[in-house]
Amino acid sequence: MKHILIVDDQLGIRMLLQEVFSQEGYEVSLAANGYEALEIVESLQIDGVLLDMKIPGMDGIQILTKIKEKFPDLPVMMMTAYGELNLIQKAMDLGASLYFTKPFDIFEVRDAVNKLLK
């Protein structure tokens, strides 16, 4: 069973994605901030990360950088609000696998993650 980590400061997004990916057969871990996310990535066997770009305390670029320093092959998929294309380019340059703009089509996210991780 693949294990996915969802990192978003919005509870509703975390819960929606958890429900979708649990139904797809993934084990799902949730983090509301970068510190929780890094702790989970370092302590569990994670196969993919869905990471929001805008998180208080430590933003998505900082979290992505720290993940890629220790786990360069771990697929990280970024979620961002429309209009942050400069940040998306930076994330892709740092090794992000995919990005989704909010509001996203949950079925497109599901299909893209399945294709990347299965």
C-alpha atoms as a PDB file:
ATOM      1  CA  MET A   1       0.000   0.000   0.000  1.00  0.00           C
ATOM      2  CA  LYS A   2       1.401   3.397  -1.009  1.00  0.00           C
ATOM      3  CA  HIS A   3       1.616   6.070   1.677  1.00  0.00           C
ATOM      4  CA  ILE A   4       0.874   9.694   0.810  1.00  0.00           C
ATOM      5  CA  LEU A   5       1.402  12.781   2.967  1.00  0.00           C
ATOM      6  CA  ILE A   6      -0.972  15.730   2.576  1.00  0.00           C
ATOM      7  CA  VAL A   7       0.359  19.074   3.823  1.00  0.00           C
ATOM      8  CA  ASP A   8      -2.084  21.988   3.938  1.00  0.00           C
ATOM      9  CA  ASP A   9      -3.000  24.474   6.654  1.00  0.00           C
ATOM     10  CA  GLN A  10      -6.682  24.283   5.639  1.00  0.00           C
ATOM     11  CA  LEU A  11      -8.451  21.462   7.467  1.00  0.00           C
ATOM     12  CA  GLY A  12     -11.125  21.152   4.766  1.00  0.00           C
ATOM     13  CA  ILE A  13      -8.551  20.516   2.031  1.00  0.00           C
ATOM     14  CA  ARG A  14      -6.727  17.953   4.178  1.00  0.00           C
ATOM     15  CA  MET A  15      -9.952  16.105   4.934  1.00  0.00           C
ATOM     16  CA  LEU A  16     -11.143  16.124   1.307  1.00  0.00           C
ATOM     17  CA  LEU A  17      -7.831  14.802   0.003  1.00  0.00           C
ATOM     18  CA  GLN A  18      -7.635  12.229   2.799  1.00  0.00           C
ATOM     19  CA  GLU A  19     -11.068  10.886   1.853  1.00  0.00           C
ATOM     20  CA  VAL A  20     -10.255  10.732  -1.864  1.00  0.00           C
ATOM     21  CA  PHE A  21      -6.894   9.023  -1.454  1.00  0.00           C
ATOM     22  CA  SER A  22      -8.082   6.633   1.246  1.00  0.00           C
ATOM     23  CA  GLN A  23     -10.788   5.483  -1.173  1.00  0.00           C
ATOM     24  CA  GLU A  24      -8.045   4.982  -3.781  1.00  0.00           C
ATOM     25  CA  GLY A  25      -6.281   2.583  -1.420  1.00  0.00           C
ATOM     26  CA  TYR A  26      -3.544   4.855  -0.082  1.00  0.00           C
ATOM     27  CA  GLU A  27      -2.440   5.095   3.498  1.00  0.00           C
ATOM     28  CA  VAL A  28      -2.750   8.822   4.251  1.00  0.00           C
ATOM     29  CA  SER A  29      -0.908  11.008   6.754  1.00  0.00           C
ATOM     30  CA  LEU A  30      -1.830  14.643   7.350  1.00  0.00           C
ATOM     31  CA  ALA A  31       0.213  17.678   8.372  1.00  0.00           C
ATOM     32  CA  ALA A  32      -1.013  21.216   9.002  1.00  0.00           C
ATOM     33  CA  ASN A  33       2.446  22.822   8.835  1.00  0.00           C
ATOM     34  CA  GLY A  34       5.986  22.290   7.655  1.00  0.00           C
ATOM     35  CA  TYR A  35       7.345  21.091  10.967  1.00  0.00           C
ATOM     36  CA  GLU A  36       4.767  18.290  11.165  1.00  0.00           C
ATOM     37  CA  ALA A  37       5.404  17.437   7.517  1.00  0.00           C
ATOM     38  CA  LEU A  38       9.170  17.094   7.960  1.00  0.00           C
ATOM     39  CA  GLU A  39       8.710  14.989  11.099  1.00  0.00           C
ATOM     40  CA  ILE A  40       6.383  12.610   9.216  1.00  0.00           C
ATOM     41  CA  VAL A  41       8.652  12.374   6.157  1.00  0.00           C
ATOM     42  CA  GLU A  42      11.618  11.530   8.370  1.00  0.00           C
ATOM     43  CA  SER A  43       9.817   8.993  10.557  1.00  0.00           C
ATOM     44  CA  LEU A  44       7.553   7.111   8.101  1.00  0.00           C
ATOM     45  CA  GLN A  45       7.968   5.504   4.686  1.00  0.00           C
ATOM     46  CA  ILE A  46       6.238   8.093   2.479  1.00  0.00           C
ATOM     47  CA  ASP A  47       5.771   7.460  -1.251  1.00  0.00           C
ATOM     48  CA  GLY A  48       4.499  10.912  -2.245  1.00  0.00           C
ATOM     49  CA  VAL A  49       3.722  14.339  -0.809  1.00  0.00           C
ATOM     50  CA  LEU A  50       0.914  16.743  -1.739  1.00  0.00           C
ATOM     51  CA  LEU A  51       2.200  20.081  -0.478  1.00  0.00           C
ATOM     52  CA  ASP A  52       0.459  23.445  -0.325  1.00  0.00           C
ATOM     53  CA  MET A  53       2.591  26.399  -1.364  1.00  0.00           C
ATOM     54  CA  LYS A  54       1.277  28.881   1.217  1.00  0.00           C
ATOM     55  CA  ILE A  55       1.589  27.604   4.766  1.00  0.00           C
ATOM     56  CA  PRO A  56       2.199  29.839   7.790  1.00  0.00           C
ATOM     57  CA  GLY A  57       5.567  29.469   9.512  1.00  0.00           C
ATOM     58  CA  MET A  58       7.415  27.583   6.785  1.00  0.00           C
ATOM     59  CA  ASP A  59       6.215  27.973   3.211  1.00  0.00           C
ATOM     60  CA  GLY A  60       5.985  25.286   0.561  1.00  0.00           C
ATOM     61  CA  ILE A  61       9.294  26.227  -1.077  1.00  0.00           C
ATOM     62  CA  GLN A  62      11.137  25.875   2.246  1.00  0.00           C
ATOM     63  CA  ILE A  63       9.440  22.541   2.988  1.00  0.00           C
ATOM     64  CA  LEU A  64      10.128  21.262  -0.533  1.00  0.00           C
ATOM     65  CA  THR A  65      13.799  22.261  -0.230  1.00  0.00           C
ATOM     66  CA  LYS A  66      14.198  20.423   3.082  1.00  0.00           C
ATOM     67  CA  ILE A  67      12.430  17.297   1.786  1.00  0.00           C
ATOM     68  CA  LYS A  68      14.529  17.196  -1.386  1.00  0.00           C
ATOM     69  CA  GLU A  69      17.784  17.634   0.585  1.00  0.00           C
ATOM     70  CA  LYS A  70      17.147  14.367   2.454  1.00  0.00           C
ATOM     71  CA  PHE A  71      14.895  12.512   0.015  1.00  0.00           C
ATOM     72  CA  PRO A  72      15.739  13.684  -3.534  1.00  0.00           C
ATOM     73  CA  ASP A  73      13.676  10.936  -5.206  1.00  0.00           C
ATOM     74  CA  LEU A  74      10.486  11.470  -3.177  1.00  0.00           C
ATOM     75  CA  PRO A  75       7.743  12.798  -5.484  1.00  0.00           C
ATOM     76  CA  VAL A  76       6.388  16.124  -4.223  1.00  0.00           C
ATOM     77  CA  MET A  77       3.297  17.613  -5.851  1.00  0.00           C
ATOM     78  CA  MET A  78       2.615  21.277  -5.166  1.00  0.00           C
ATOM     79  CA  MET A  79      -0.783  22.906  -4.641  1.00  0.00           C
ATOM     80  CA  THR A  80      -1.039  26.643  -5.124  1.00  0.00           C
ATOM     81  CA  ALA A  81      -3.521  29.420  -5.604  1.00  0.00           C
ATOM     82  CA  TYR A  82      -3.960  30.686  -9.139  1.00  0.00           C
ATOM     83  CA  GLY A  83      -1.521  33.446  -9.986  1.00  0.00           C
ATOM     84  CA  GLU A  84       1.567  32.207  -8.131  1.00  0.00           C
ATOM     85  CA  LEU A  85       3.274  31.002 -11.281  1.00  0.00           C
ATOM     86  CA  ASN A  86       6.660  32.447 -10.287  1.00  0.00           C
ATOM     87  CA  LEU A  87       6.581  30.249  -7.171  1.00  0.00           C
ATOM     88  CA  ILE A  88       5.536  27.228  -9.232  1.00  0.00           C
ATOM     89  CA  GLN A  89       8.537  27.689 -11.522  1.00  0.00           C
ATOM     90  CA  LYS A  90      10.818  27.874  -8.488  1.00  0.00           C
ATOM     91  CA  ALA A  91       9.224  24.713  -7.049  1.00  0.00           C
ATOM     92  CA  MET A  92       9.655  22.854 -10.347  1.00  0.00           C
ATOM     93  CA  ASP A  93      13.302  23.969 -10.494  1.00  0.00           C
ATOM     94  CA  LEU A  94      13.749  22.558  -6.960  1.00  0.00           C
ATOM     95  CA  GLY A  95      12.395  19.176  -8.003  1.00  0.00           C
ATOM     96  CA  ALA A  96       8.603  19.250  -7.603  1.00  0.00           C
ATOM     97  CA  SER A  97       6.980  16.570  -9.758  1.00  0.00           C
ATOM     98  CA  LEU A  98       3.624  18.223 -10.485  1.00  0.00           C
ATOM     99  CA  TYR A  99       1.560  21.210  -9.487  1.00  0.00           C
ATOM    100  CA  PHE A 100      -2.138  21.893  -9.126  1.00  0.00           C
ATOM    101  CA  THR A 101      -3.776  25.311  -8.964  1.00  0.00           C
ATOM    102  CA  LYS A 102      -6.575  25.899  -6.465  1.00  0.00           C
ATOM    103  CA  PRO A 103      -9.416  25.549  -6.826  1.00  0.00           C
ATOM    104  CA  PHE A 104      -8.482  22.231  -8.399  1.00  0.00           C
ATOM    105  CA  ASP A 105     -10.557  19.476  -9.941  1.00  0.00           C
ATOM    106  CA  ILE A 106     -10.302  16.697  -7.352  1.00  0.00           C
ATOM    107  CA  PHE A 107     -10.602  14.029 -10.054  1.00  0.00           C
ATOM    108  CA  GLU A 108      -7.687  15.509 -12.001  1.00  0.00           C
ATOM    109  CA  VAL A 109      -5.594  15.553  -8.822  1.00  0.00           C
ATOM    110  CA  ARG A 110      -6.544  11.945  -8.063  1.00  0.00           C
ATOM    111  CA  ASP A 111      -5.723  10.767 -11.572  1.00  0.00           C
ATOM    112  CA  ALA A 112      -2.394  12.635 -11.743  1.00  0.00           C
ATOM    113  CA  VAL A 113      -1.275  11.332  -8.342  1.00  0.00           C
ATOM    114  CA  ASN A 114      -2.308   7.777  -9.260  1.00  0.00           C
ATOM    115  CA  LYS A 115      -0.376   7.991 -12.511  1.00  0.00           C
ATOM    116  CA  LEU A 116       2.728   9.304 -10.759  1.00  0.00           C
ATOM    117  CA  LEU A 117       2.726   6.884  -7.817  1.00  0.00           C
ATOM    118  CA  LYS A 118       1.383   3.604  -9.215  1.00  0.00           C
END
